[in-house]
Amino acid sequence: ISKNMNGALVTLSDVQVDLLRGKVVVHDFIVHNKDRDDWEWDSPCLVRVGRIEASLNFASVIQLPYIGRILNHSIFDIYTVLVEDV
């Protein structure tokens, strides 16, 4: 995740993954401010989310080498995303 956030530190307090039901729950998702002094930013974090819950099809989200090209599958099946305590 840190690579996708331009090298900023990303912390999570808890992650729950239910493969059978296709559900992911993340608690206390925080993206810390990497260049706080350079930006003259008072907050120590850029984003703080208390809870994120997503319902999805794991088979479509996990990308295995060459399988997507063979099956011509480029769609991610994400059904719902709930974001709380932003």
C-alpha atoms as a PDB file:
ATOM      1  CA  ILE A   1       0.000   0.000   0.000  1.00  0.00           C
ATOM      2  CA  SER A   2       2.847   2.390   0.817  1.00  0.00           C
ATOM      3  CA  LYS A   3       4.153   2.181  -2.762  1.00  0.00           C
ATOM      4  CA  ASN A   4       0.755   3.268  -4.081  1.00  0.00           C
ATOM      5  CA  MET A   5       0.676   6.174  -1.605  1.00  0.00           C
ATOM      6  CA  ASN A   6       3.933   7.774  -2.854  1.00  0.00           C
ATOM      7  CA  GLY A   7       6.022   6.175  -0.137  1.00  0.00           C
ATOM      8  CA  ALA A   8       3.928   7.494   2.759  1.00  0.00           C
ATOM      9  CA  LEU A   9       3.607   5.282   5.824  1.00  0.00           C
ATOM     10  CA  VAL A  10       0.261   3.460   5.946  1.00  0.00           C
ATOM     11  CA  THR A  11      -0.939   1.809   9.154  1.00  0.00           C
ATOM     12  CA  LEU A  12      -3.908  -0.446   9.882  1.00  0.00           C
ATOM     13  CA  SER A  13      -4.970  -1.633  13.313  1.00  0.00           C
ATOM     14  CA  ASP A  14      -6.936  -4.668  12.117  1.00  0.00           C
ATOM     15  CA  VAL A  15      -7.825  -6.416   8.844  1.00  0.00           C
ATOM     16  CA  GLN A  16     -10.420  -9.167   8.579  1.00  0.00           C
ATOM     17  CA  VAL A  17     -10.792 -11.182   5.372  1.00  0.00           C
ATOM     18  CA  ASP A  18     -13.612 -13.661   4.819  1.00  0.00           C
ATOM     19  CA  LEU A  19     -12.859 -15.588   1.615  1.00  0.00           C
ATOM     20  CA  LEU A  20     -16.119 -17.562   1.628  1.00  0.00           C
ATOM     21  CA  ARG A  21     -18.389 -14.525   1.902  1.00  0.00           C
ATOM     22  CA  GLY A  22     -16.161 -12.182  -0.120  1.00  0.00           C
ATOM     23  CA  LYS A  23     -15.839  -9.568   2.589  1.00  0.00           C
ATOM     24  CA  VAL A  24     -12.906  -7.413   3.740  1.00  0.00           C
ATOM     25  CA  VAL A  25     -13.053  -5.183   6.836  1.00  0.00           C
ATOM     26  CA  VAL A  26     -10.257  -2.724   7.682  1.00  0.00           C
ATOM     27  CA  HIS A  27     -10.100  -0.782  10.956  1.00  0.00           C
ATOM     28  CA  ASP A  28      -8.158   2.434  11.607  1.00  0.00           C
ATOM     29  CA  PHE A  29      -6.713   3.015   8.125  1.00  0.00           C
ATOM     30  CA  ILE A  30      -4.230   5.913   8.375  1.00  0.00           C
ATOM     31  CA  VAL A  31      -2.029   7.469   5.682  1.00  0.00           C
ATOM     32  CA  HIS A  32       0.690   9.419   7.494  1.00  0.00           C
ATOM     33  CA  ASN A  33       2.055  12.698   6.163  1.00  0.00           C
ATOM     34  CA  LYS A  34       5.451  11.898   4.637  1.00  0.00           C
ATOM     35  CA  ASP A  35       6.573  15.460   3.851  1.00  0.00           C
ATOM     36  CA  ARG A  36       4.888  17.302   6.706  1.00  0.00           C
ATOM     37  CA  ASP A  37       7.622  19.936   7.092  1.00  0.00           C
ATOM     38  CA  ASP A  38       7.981  20.580   3.368  1.00  0.00           C
ATOM     39  CA  TRP A  39       4.253  21.123   2.919  1.00  0.00           C
ATOM     40  CA  GLU A  40       3.854  23.154   6.126  1.00  0.00           C
ATOM     41  CA  TRP A  41       1.050  20.800   7.057  1.00  0.00           C
ATOM     42  CA  ASP A  42      -0.058  20.766  10.701  1.00  0.00           C
ATOM     43  CA  SER A  43      -1.691  17.359  10.701  1.00  0.00           C
ATOM     44  CA  PRO A  44       0.467  14.256  11.211  1.00  0.00           C
ATOM     45  CA  CYS A  45      -1.758  12.291   8.798  1.00  0.00           C
ATOM     46  CA  LEU A  46      -3.307  12.857   5.383  1.00  0.00           C
ATOM     47  CA  VAL A  47      -6.190  10.394   5.743  1.00  0.00           C
ATOM     48  CA  ARG A  48      -7.758   8.694   8.729  1.00  0.00           C
ATOM     49  CA  VAL A  49     -10.672   6.290   8.258  1.00  0.00           C
ATOM     50  CA  GLY A  50     -12.171   4.417  11.188  1.00  0.00           C
ATOM     51  CA  ARG A  51     -13.679   1.498   9.250  1.00  0.00           C
ATOM     52  CA  ILE A  52     -13.805   0.305   5.645  1.00  0.00           C
ATOM     53  CA  GLU A  53     -15.928  -2.686   4.663  1.00  0.00           C
ATOM     54  CA  ALA A  54     -16.019  -4.085   1.135  1.00  0.00           C
ATOM     55  CA  SER A  55     -17.972  -6.927  -0.450  1.00  0.00           C
ATOM     56  CA  LEU A  56     -16.323  -8.324  -3.554  1.00  0.00           C
ATOM     57  CA  ASN A  57     -15.620 -11.303  -5.754  1.00  0.00           C
ATOM     58  CA  PHE A  58     -12.103 -12.441  -4.774  1.00  0.00           C
ATOM     59  CA  ALA A  59     -11.651 -14.399  -8.004  1.00  0.00           C
ATOM     60  CA  SER A  60     -11.945 -11.178 -10.005  1.00  0.00           C
ATOM     61  CA  VAL A  61      -9.752  -9.040  -7.739  1.00  0.00           C
ATOM     62  CA  ILE A  62      -6.756 -11.364  -7.360  1.00  0.00           C
ATOM     63  CA  GLN A  63      -4.665 -11.102 -10.509  1.00  0.00           C
ATOM     64  CA  LEU A  64      -2.737 -14.237 -11.386  1.00  0.00           C
ATOM     65  CA  PRO A  65      -0.103 -14.068 -14.150  1.00  0.00           C
ATOM     66  CA  TYR A  66      -1.481 -14.811 -17.638  1.00  0.00           C
ATOM     67  CA  ILE A  67      -4.892 -15.969 -16.341  1.00  0.00           C
ATOM     68  CA  GLY A  68      -6.503 -12.581 -17.033  1.00  0.00           C
ATOM     69  CA  ARG A  69      -5.216 -12.571 -20.600  1.00  0.00           C
ATOM     70  CA  ILE A  70      -6.330 -16.144 -21.248  1.00  0.00           C
ATOM     71  CA  LEU A  71      -9.822 -15.575 -19.861  1.00  0.00           C
ATOM     72  CA  ASN A  72      -9.986 -11.996 -21.204  1.00  0.00           C
ATOM     73  CA  HIS A  73     -10.965 -10.874 -17.706  1.00  0.00           C
ATOM     74  CA  SER A  74     -10.182  -7.275 -16.789  1.00  0.00           C
ATOM     75  CA  ILE A  75     -13.185  -6.396 -14.601  1.00  0.00           C
ATOM     76  CA  PHE A  76     -13.073  -6.182 -10.816  1.00  0.00           C
ATOM     77  CA  ASP A  77     -16.324  -7.246  -9.163  1.00  0.00           C
ATOM     78  CA  ILE A  78     -16.604  -4.952  -6.138  1.00  0.00           C
ATOM     79  CA  TYR A  79     -20.206  -4.879  -4.992  1.00  0.00           C
ATOM     80  CA  THR A  80     -20.289  -2.521  -2.004  1.00  0.00           C
ATOM     81  CA  VAL A  81     -17.859  -0.311  -0.119  1.00  0.00           C
ATOM     82  CA  LEU A  82     -18.831   1.175   3.234  1.00  0.00           C
ATOM     83  CA  VAL A  83     -16.601   3.897   4.699  1.00  0.00           C
ATOM     84  CA  GLU A  84     -17.273   5.096   8.267  1.00  0.00           C
ATOM     85  CA  ASP A  85     -15.705   7.546  10.710  1.00  0.00           C
ATOM     86  CA  VAL A  86     -13.807   9.628   8.157  1.00  0.00           C
END
